[in-house]
Amino acid sequence: MPYILISTQIRLETGPTNVGDEFSDPAVMNYLGARKTTMLGNNFSEYHVDDPPRVVLDKLEKIGFRLLTMTGVGQTLVWCLHKEKE
């Protein structure tokens, strides 16, 4: 999977950081130390890490991901990254 979205709430910019959904690459999620959780009432799972977004972005860059874009949506910050196929 060459794309990944990470996000965090503005008031939580020091973590935790959402790093993937239930279909994310398990190897990348393991590398990030992410845990898969399902919030009560949701019918989908998400991966989270306690690290702030800056640390997550640094880790993803080390394994070949590049930042494509970043935006704010309401009280949420979202980054989209891409990794070239090998």
C-alpha atoms as a PDB file:
ATOM      1  CA  MET A   1       0.000   0.000   0.000  1.00  0.00           C
ATOM      2  CA  PRO A   2       1.862   3.104  -1.171  1.00  0.00           C
ATOM      3  CA  TYR A   3      -0.332   5.738   0.586  1.00  0.00           C
ATOM      4  CA  ILE A   4      -0.832   6.424   4.278  1.00  0.00           C
ATOM      5  CA  LEU A   5      -2.874   9.016   6.166  1.00  0.00           C
ATOM      6  CA  ILE A   6      -1.952  10.116   9.669  1.00  0.00           C
ATOM      7  CA  SER A   7      -3.963  12.500  11.802  1.00  0.00           C
ATOM      8  CA  THR A   8      -4.324  14.008  15.246  1.00  0.00           C
ATOM      9  CA  GLN A   9      -6.570  16.441  17.048  1.00  0.00           C
ATOM     10  CA  ILE A  10      -5.126  19.978  17.277  1.00  0.00           C
ATOM     11  CA  ARG A  11      -5.398  19.941  21.051  1.00  0.00           C
ATOM     12  CA  LEU A  12      -3.509  16.616  21.106  1.00  0.00           C
ATOM     13  CA  GLU A  13      -0.597  17.587  18.861  1.00  0.00           C
ATOM     14  CA  THR A  14       1.795  15.824  21.252  1.00  0.00           C
ATOM     15  CA  GLY A  15      -0.021  12.519  20.682  1.00  0.00           C
ATOM     16  CA  PRO A  16      -1.690  10.160  20.300  1.00  0.00           C
ATOM     17  CA  THR A  17      -1.563   9.992  16.516  1.00  0.00           C
ATOM     18  CA  ASN A  18      -3.885   7.987  14.261  1.00  0.00           C
ATOM     19  CA  VAL A  19      -1.679   6.165  11.768  1.00  0.00           C
ATOM     20  CA  GLY A  20      -3.904   3.848   9.782  1.00  0.00           C
ATOM     21  CA  ASP A  21      -7.144   2.009   9.256  1.00  0.00           C
ATOM     22  CA  GLU A  22      -8.000  -1.679   9.462  1.00  0.00           C
ATOM     23  CA  PHE A  23      -6.611  -2.253   5.937  1.00  0.00           C
ATOM     24  CA  SER A  24      -3.187  -0.673   6.585  1.00  0.00           C
ATOM     25  CA  ASP A  25       0.018  -2.593   5.937  1.00  0.00           C
ATOM     26  CA  PRO A  26       0.663  -4.656   9.109  1.00  0.00           C
ATOM     27  CA  ALA A  27       4.441  -4.418   8.633  1.00  0.00           C
ATOM     28  CA  VAL A  28       4.336  -0.589   8.617  1.00  0.00           C
ATOM     29  CA  MET A  29       1.979  -0.555  11.616  1.00  0.00           C
ATOM     30  CA  ASN A  30       4.318  -2.902  13.499  1.00  0.00           C
ATOM     31  CA  TYR A  31       7.315  -0.689  12.630  1.00  0.00           C
ATOM     32  CA  LEU A  32       5.463   2.337  14.044  1.00  0.00           C
ATOM     33  CA  GLY A  33       4.512   0.407  17.187  1.00  0.00           C
ATOM     34  CA  ALA A  34       0.823   1.001  16.447  1.00  0.00           C
ATOM     35  CA  ARG A  35      -2.026  -0.715  18.239  1.00  0.00           C
ATOM     36  CA  LYS A  36      -5.302  -1.564  16.517  1.00  0.00           C
ATOM     37  CA  THR A  37      -8.411  -0.346  18.351  1.00  0.00           C
ATOM     38  CA  THR A  38     -12.130  -0.156  17.722  1.00  0.00           C
ATOM     39  CA  MET A  39     -14.022   2.678  19.406  1.00  0.00           C
ATOM     40  CA  LEU A  40     -17.348   1.782  20.982  1.00  0.00           C
ATOM     41  CA  GLY A  41     -20.102   2.324  18.415  1.00  0.00           C
ATOM     42  CA  ASN A  42     -17.799   2.218  15.368  1.00  0.00           C
ATOM     43  CA  ASN A  43     -17.886  -0.676  12.912  1.00  0.00           C
ATOM     44  CA  PHE A  44     -14.262  -0.136  11.842  1.00  0.00           C
ATOM     45  CA  SER A  45     -10.823  -0.270  13.447  1.00  0.00           C
ATOM     46  CA  GLU A  46      -7.978   2.252  13.511  1.00  0.00           C
ATOM     47  CA  TYR A  47      -4.298   2.115  14.403  1.00  0.00           C
ATOM     48  CA  HIS A  48      -2.906   4.540  17.006  1.00  0.00           C
ATOM     49  CA  VAL A  49       0.501   5.352  18.467  1.00  0.00           C
ATOM     50  CA  ASP A  50       1.345   7.483  21.511  1.00  0.00           C
ATOM     51  CA  ASP A  51       4.003   9.398  19.555  1.00  0.00           C
ATOM     52  CA  PRO A  52       3.362  12.938  18.311  1.00  0.00           C
ATOM     53  CA  PRO A  53       2.886  13.390  14.542  1.00  0.00           C
ATOM     54  CA  ARG A  54       6.419  14.777  14.062  1.00  0.00           C
ATOM     55  CA  VAL A  55       7.946  11.541  15.383  1.00  0.00           C
ATOM     56  CA  VAL A  56       5.628   9.449  13.176  1.00  0.00           C
ATOM     57  CA  LEU A  57       6.528  11.542  10.106  1.00  0.00           C
ATOM     58  CA  ASP A  58      10.254  11.090  10.863  1.00  0.00           C
ATOM     59  CA  LYS A  59       9.838   7.312  11.193  1.00  0.00           C
ATOM     60  CA  LEU A  60       7.877   7.062   7.934  1.00  0.00           C
ATOM     61  CA  GLU A  61      10.481   9.117   6.063  1.00  0.00           C
ATOM     62  CA  LYS A  62      13.168   6.655   7.181  1.00  0.00           C
ATOM     63  CA  ILE A  63      11.342   3.827   5.392  1.00  0.00           C
ATOM     64  CA  GLY A  64      10.747   5.743   2.164  1.00  0.00           C
ATOM     65  CA  PHE A  65       7.487   7.646   2.624  1.00  0.00           C
ATOM     66  CA  ARG A  66       7.307  11.244   1.374  1.00  0.00           C
ATOM     67  CA  LEU A  67       4.828  13.894   2.448  1.00  0.00           C
ATOM     68  CA  LEU A  68       2.337  14.772  -0.299  1.00  0.00           C
ATOM     69  CA  THR A  69       0.033  17.183   1.492  1.00  0.00           C
ATOM     70  CA  MET A  70      -1.170  18.372   4.873  1.00  0.00           C
ATOM     71  CA  THR A  71      -4.422  20.066   5.856  1.00  0.00           C
ATOM     72  CA  GLY A  72      -6.573  21.001   8.780  1.00  0.00           C
ATOM     73  CA  VAL A  73     -10.152  19.735   8.885  1.00  0.00           C
ATOM     74  CA  GLY A  74     -12.071  21.307  11.755  1.00  0.00           C
ATOM     75  CA  GLN A  75     -10.026  20.431  14.847  1.00  0.00           C
ATOM     76  CA  THR A  76      -8.079  17.663  13.064  1.00  0.00           C
ATOM     77  CA  LEU A  77      -4.677  17.822  11.366  1.00  0.00           C
ATOM     78  CA  VAL A  78      -4.182  15.332   8.490  1.00  0.00           C
ATOM     79  CA  TRP A  79      -1.029  14.368   6.573  1.00  0.00           C
ATOM     80  CA  CYS A  80      -0.995  12.230   3.400  1.00  0.00           C
ATOM     81  CA  LEU A  81       2.218  10.380   2.566  1.00  0.00           C
ATOM     82  CA  HIS A  82       3.242   8.212  -0.380  1.00  0.00           C
ATOM     83  CA  LYS A  83       5.934   5.587  -0.915  1.00  0.00           C
ATOM     84  CA  GLU A  84       7.166   4.699  -4.390  1.00  0.00           C
ATOM     85  CA  LYS A  85       6.695   1.064  -5.334  1.00  0.00           C
ATOM     86  CA  GLU A  86       9.902  -0.900  -5.185  1.00  0.00           C
END
